[in-house]
């Protein structure tokens, strides 16, 4: 999450941002920044980011796709559930919401 993103989301005419307060439109004209809108948008963006923490954690714990495909193949051949067990553990260790 960044202030630039919040500025662009709340002030769609902004084309260039220099520092924290200098915003310009496509013609180089200054754009007045509404700090209340930016603060509200930054709060919304942070909440959205925080709500996806489980997803980022899961991504770090899942094995690479090649390894997962190999697990699925071996499970099919051997009648095992290694892949399903791996996915279930990652999900239970990192619950959604």
N, C-alpha and C. Protein backbone atom coordinates (compact mmCIF):
# COMPACT_ATOMS: atom_id res chain seq x y z
N UNK A 1 0.84 -1.17 0.00
CA UNK A 1 0.00 0.00 0.00
C UNK A 1 0.89 1.24 0.00
N UNK A 2 0.51 2.20 -0.82
CA UNK A 2 1.32 3.41 -0.86
C UNK A 2 0.44 4.65 -0.97
N UNK A 3 1.01 5.74 -0.55
CA UNK A 3 0.32 7.02 -0.66
C UNK A 3 0.04 7.34 -2.13
N UNK A 4 0.99 7.03 -3.00
CA UNK A 4 0.79 7.27 -4.44
C UNK A 4 -0.47 6.57 -4.94
N UNK A 5 -0.64 5.32 -4.54
CA UNK A 5 -1.83 4.57 -4.96
C UNK A 5 -3.09 5.24 -4.44
N UNK A 6 -3.07 5.68 -3.19
CA UNK A 6 -4.23 6.35 -2.60
C UNK A 6 -4.53 7.65 -3.34
N UNK A 7 -3.49 8.40 -3.70
CA UNK A 7 -3.69 9.64 -4.45
C UNK A 7 -4.31 9.34 -5.81
N UNK A 8 -3.76 8.37 -6.51
CA UNK A 8 -4.28 8.04 -7.84
C UNK A 8 -5.71 7.49 -7.78
N UNK A 9 -6.02 6.73 -6.74
CA UNK A 9 -7.38 6.19 -6.60
C UNK A 9 -8.41 7.28 -6.31
N UNK A 10 -8.00 8.30 -5.57
CA UNK A 10 -8.95 9.33 -5.16
C UNK A 10 -8.92 10.57 -6.07
N UNK A 11 -7.90 10.69 -6.86
CA UNK A 11 -7.75 11.84 -7.77
C UNK A 11 -7.35 11.31 -9.15
N UNK A 12 -8.30 10.79 -9.90
CA UNK A 12 -7.98 10.13 -11.18
C UNK A 12 -7.32 11.01 -12.23
N UNK A 13 -7.38 12.32 -12.08
CA UNK A 13 -6.75 13.18 -13.08
C UNK A 13 -5.24 13.32 -12.86
N UNK A 14 -4.75 12.84 -11.72
CA UNK A 14 -3.32 12.94 -11.42
C UNK A 14 -2.52 12.04 -12.37
N UNK A 15 -1.53 12.65 -13.00
CA UNK A 15 -0.65 11.91 -13.91
C UNK A 15 0.75 11.75 -13.33
N UNK A 16 1.19 12.74 -12.53
CA UNK A 16 2.54 12.73 -11.98
C UNK A 16 2.47 13.13 -10.51
N UNK A 17 3.23 12.41 -9.68
CA UNK A 17 3.30 12.73 -8.25
C UNK A 17 4.77 12.92 -7.90
N UNK A 18 5.08 14.08 -7.31
CA UNK A 18 6.44 14.38 -6.85
C UNK A 18 6.37 14.60 -5.35
N UNK A 19 6.98 13.71 -4.59
CA UNK A 19 6.94 13.84 -3.14
C UNK A 19 5.57 13.49 -2.60
N UNK A 20 5.23 14.05 -1.44
CA UNK A 20 3.97 13.72 -0.78
C UNK A 20 2.80 14.60 -1.20
N UNK A 21 3.08 15.81 -1.69
CA UNK A 21 1.97 16.74 -1.92
C UNK A 21 1.92 17.35 -3.32
N UNK A 22 2.95 17.20 -4.11
CA UNK A 22 2.97 17.81 -5.45
C UNK A 22 2.41 16.82 -6.47
N UNK A 23 1.18 17.07 -6.88
CA UNK A 23 0.53 16.22 -7.88
C UNK A 23 0.17 17.08 -9.08
N UNK A 24 0.35 16.49 -10.27
CA UNK A 24 0.10 17.23 -11.51
C UNK A 24 -0.78 16.40 -12.44
N UNK A 25 -1.56 17.11 -13.27
CA UNK A 25 -2.36 16.42 -14.28
C UNK A 25 -1.50 16.18 -15.52
N UNK A 26 -2.08 15.62 -16.57
CA UNK A 26 -1.31 15.27 -17.77
C UNK A 26 -0.69 16.48 -18.47
N UNK A 27 -1.24 17.66 -18.21
CA UNK A 27 -0.71 18.89 -18.82
C UNK A 27 0.29 19.61 -17.92
N UNK A 28 0.59 19.02 -16.76
CA UNK A 28 1.54 19.62 -15.83
C UNK A 28 0.92 20.61 -14.87
N UNK A 29 -0.39 20.75 -14.90
CA UNK A 29 -1.07 21.66 -13.99
C UNK A 29 -1.18 21.03 -12.60
N UNK A 30 -1.02 21.84 -11.54
CA UNK A 30 -1.13 21.30 -10.18
C UNK A 30 -2.55 20.80 -9.90
N UNK A 31 -2.63 19.72 -9.14
CA UNK A 31 -3.91 19.16 -8.70
C UNK A 31 -3.96 19.31 -7.18
N UNK A 32 -5.03 19.90 -6.68
CA UNK A 32 -5.19 20.04 -5.23
C UNK A 32 -5.55 18.69 -4.64
N UNK A 33 -4.77 18.29 -3.65
CA UNK A 33 -4.94 16.99 -3.01
C UNK A 33 -5.86 17.13 -1.79
N UNK A 34 -6.87 16.26 -1.73
CA UNK A 34 -7.79 16.24 -0.59
C UNK A 34 -7.27 15.20 0.42
N UNK A 35 -6.63 15.69 1.48
CA UNK A 35 -5.99 14.81 2.46
C UNK A 35 -6.98 13.89 3.16
N UNK A 36 -8.20 14.34 3.37
CA UNK A 36 -9.21 13.49 4.03
C UNK A 36 -9.54 12.28 3.15
N UNK A 37 -9.67 12.51 1.85
CA UNK A 37 -9.94 11.40 0.92
C UNK A 37 -8.77 10.42 0.91
N UNK A 38 -7.56 10.97 0.91
CA UNK A 38 -6.37 10.12 0.88
C UNK A 38 -6.28 9.28 2.15
N UNK A 39 -6.53 9.90 3.29
CA UNK A 39 -6.47 9.16 4.56
C UNK A 39 -7.49 8.03 4.58
N UNK A 40 -8.70 8.31 4.12
CA UNK A 40 -9.74 7.28 4.07
C UNK A 40 -9.35 6.15 3.13
N UNK A 41 -8.79 6.50 1.97
CA UNK A 41 -8.37 5.48 1.00
C UNK A 41 -7.21 4.67 1.53
N UNK A 42 -6.28 5.30 2.23
CA UNK A 42 -5.15 4.55 2.80
C UNK A 42 -5.64 3.56 3.84
N UNK A 43 -6.63 3.94 4.62
CA UNK A 43 -7.22 3.02 5.60
C UNK A 43 -7.87 1.84 4.88
N UNK A 44 -8.59 2.12 3.80
CA UNK A 44 -9.24 1.05 3.03
C UNK A 44 -8.20 0.12 2.41
N UNK A 45 -7.15 0.69 1.82
CA UNK A 45 -6.10 -0.12 1.21
C UNK A 45 -5.40 -1.00 2.24
N UNK A 46 -5.14 -0.45 3.43
CA UNK A 46 -4.49 -1.23 4.49
C UNK A 46 -5.37 -2.38 4.93
N UNK A 47 -6.67 -2.12 5.08
CA UNK A 47 -7.61 -3.19 5.47
C UNK A 47 -7.65 -4.28 4.41
N UNK A 48 -7.64 -3.88 3.14
CA UNK A 48 -7.63 -4.86 2.05
C UNK A 48 -6.35 -5.70 2.09
N UNK A 49 -5.22 -5.05 2.30
CA UNK A 49 -3.93 -5.74 2.39
C UNK A 49 -3.93 -6.72 3.57
N UNK A 50 -4.39 -6.24 4.72
CA UNK A 50 -4.41 -7.08 5.93
C UNK A 50 -5.32 -8.29 5.75
N UNK A 51 -6.42 -8.13 5.02
CA UNK A 51 -7.37 -9.23 4.83
C UNK A 51 -6.79 -10.35 3.97
N UNK A 52 -5.69 -10.08 3.28
CA UNK A 52 -5.07 -11.09 2.42
C UNK A 52 -3.81 -11.70 3.04
N UNK A 53 -3.59 -11.48 4.33
CA UNK A 53 -2.39 -12.00 5.00
C UNK A 53 -2.33 -13.52 4.90
N UNK A 54 -3.48 -14.18 5.07
CA UNK A 54 -3.51 -15.64 5.00
C UNK A 54 -3.02 -16.12 3.63
N UNK A 55 -3.38 -15.42 2.59
CA UNK A 55 -3.01 -15.81 1.23
C UNK A 55 -1.49 -15.70 1.03
N UNK A 56 -0.91 -14.61 1.53
CA UNK A 56 0.54 -14.46 1.42
C UNK A 56 1.26 -15.54 2.21
N UNK A 57 0.74 -15.89 3.38
CA UNK A 57 1.35 -16.95 4.19
C UNK A 57 1.26 -18.29 3.49
N UNK A 58 0.08 -18.59 2.93
CA UNK A 58 -0.09 -19.85 2.21
C UNK A 58 0.88 -19.94 1.04
N UNK A 59 1.01 -18.86 0.31
CA UNK A 59 1.89 -18.85 -0.86
C UNK A 59 3.31 -19.25 -0.50
N UNK A 60 3.76 -18.81 0.67
CA UNK A 60 5.12 -19.13 1.12
C UNK A 60 5.27 -20.58 1.57
N UNK A 61 4.17 -21.23 1.93
CA UNK A 61 4.26 -22.59 2.46
C UNK A 61 3.96 -23.68 1.43
N UNK A 62 3.23 -23.33 0.38
CA UNK A 62 2.97 -24.34 -0.65
C UNK A 62 4.28 -24.72 -1.34
N UNK A 63 4.40 -26.00 -1.64
CA UNK A 63 5.55 -26.46 -2.39
C UNK A 63 5.45 -25.94 -3.83
N UNK A 64 6.57 -25.89 -4.55
CA UNK A 64 6.52 -25.47 -5.96
C UNK A 64 5.55 -26.35 -6.77
N UNK A 65 4.98 -25.78 -7.81
CA UNK A 65 3.99 -26.48 -8.63
C UNK A 65 4.52 -27.81 -9.16
N UNK A 66 5.77 -27.84 -9.59
CA UNK A 66 6.34 -29.09 -10.10
C UNK A 66 6.31 -30.19 -9.05
N UNK A 67 6.65 -29.83 -7.82
CA UNK A 67 6.62 -30.81 -6.73
C UNK A 67 5.18 -31.26 -6.44
N UNK A 68 4.24 -30.31 -6.50
CA UNK A 68 2.85 -30.67 -6.26
C UNK A 68 2.32 -31.61 -7.35
N UNK A 69 2.70 -31.35 -8.58
CA UNK A 69 2.27 -32.24 -9.67
C UNK A 69 2.85 -33.64 -9.48
N UNK A 70 4.10 -33.70 -9.06
CA UNK A 70 4.72 -34.99 -8.79
C UNK A 70 3.99 -35.71 -7.66
N UNK A 71 3.60 -34.98 -6.63
CA UNK A 71 2.85 -35.56 -5.52
C UNK A 71 1.51 -36.12 -6.02
N UNK A 72 0.83 -35.36 -6.88
CA UNK A 72 -0.45 -35.81 -7.41
C UNK A 72 -0.29 -37.08 -8.24
N UNK A 73 0.75 -37.12 -9.05
CA UNK A 73 1.00 -38.31 -9.88
C UNK A 73 1.26 -39.53 -8.99
N UNK A 74 2.13 -39.36 -8.02
CA UNK A 74 2.45 -40.47 -7.12
C UNK A 74 1.22 -40.91 -6.32
N UNK A 75 0.39 -39.95 -5.91
CA UNK A 75 -0.85 -40.29 -5.21
C UNK A 75 -1.76 -41.12 -6.10
N UNK A 76 -1.84 -40.74 -7.36
CA UNK A 76 -2.68 -41.48 -8.32
C UNK A 76 -2.17 -42.91 -8.50
N UNK A 77 -0.88 -43.05 -8.63
CA UNK A 77 -0.27 -44.37 -8.84
C UNK A 77 -0.34 -45.23 -7.59
N UNK A 78 -0.07 -44.62 -6.43
CA UNK A 78 0.05 -45.36 -5.17
C UNK A 78 -1.23 -45.40 -4.33
N UNK A 79 -2.24 -44.66 -4.75
CA UNK A 79 -3.47 -44.62 -3.97
C UNK A 79 -3.30 -43.88 -2.65
N UNK A 80 -2.38 -42.93 -2.61
CA UNK A 80 -2.12 -42.16 -1.39
C UNK A 80 -2.77 -40.78 -1.47
N UNK A 81 -2.65 -40.02 -0.40
CA UNK A 81 -3.24 -38.67 -0.35
C UNK A 81 -2.21 -37.62 0.07
N UNK A 82 -0.97 -37.82 -0.32
CA UNK A 82 0.10 -36.91 0.09
C UNK A 82 -0.17 -35.46 -0.32
N UNK A 83 -0.60 -35.27 -1.56
CA UNK A 83 -0.85 -33.90 -2.03
C UNK A 83 -2.02 -33.27 -1.28
N UNK A 84 -3.13 -34.00 -1.16
CA UNK A 84 -4.28 -33.48 -0.43
C UNK A 84 -3.91 -33.15 1.01
N UNK A 85 -3.09 -33.98 1.62
CA UNK A 85 -2.66 -33.74 3.00
C UNK A 85 -1.82 -32.47 3.10
N UNK A 86 -0.93 -32.29 2.12
CA UNK A 86 -0.09 -31.08 2.08
C UNK A 86 -0.95 -29.82 1.98
N UNK A 87 -1.89 -29.82 1.04
CA UNK A 87 -2.75 -28.66 0.84
C UNK A 87 -3.60 -28.41 2.09
N UNK A 88 -4.15 -29.46 2.67
CA UNK A 88 -4.98 -29.32 3.87
C UNK A 88 -4.18 -28.72 5.02
N UNK A 89 -2.92 -29.15 5.19
CA UNK A 89 -2.08 -28.63 6.27
C UNK A 89 -1.79 -27.15 6.06
N UNK A 90 -1.43 -26.77 4.83
CA UNK A 90 -1.15 -25.36 4.55
C UNK A 90 -2.39 -24.51 4.86
N UNK A 91 -3.56 -25.00 4.43
CA UNK A 91 -4.79 -24.25 4.67
C UNK A 91 -5.15 -24.19 6.16
N UNK A 92 -4.96 -25.28 6.89
CA UNK A 92 -5.31 -25.27 8.31
C UNK A 92 -4.31 -24.43 9.12
N UNK A 93 -3.05 -24.40 8.69
CA UNK A 93 -2.05 -23.59 9.37
C UNK A 93 -2.22 -22.10 9.10
N UNK A 94 -2.91 -21.77 8.00
CA UNK A 94 -3.11 -20.38 7.58
C UNK A 94 -4.57 -20.18 7.21
N UNK A 95 -5.48 -20.16 8.19
CA UNK A 95 -6.90 -20.07 7.90
C UNK A 95 -7.28 -18.74 7.26
N UNK A 96 -8.28 -18.81 6.41
CA UNK A 96 -8.79 -17.60 5.74
C UNK A 96 -9.61 -16.81 6.73
N UNK A 97 -9.30 -15.49 6.78
CA UNK A 97 -10.07 -14.56 7.61
C UNK A 97 -10.07 -14.95 9.00
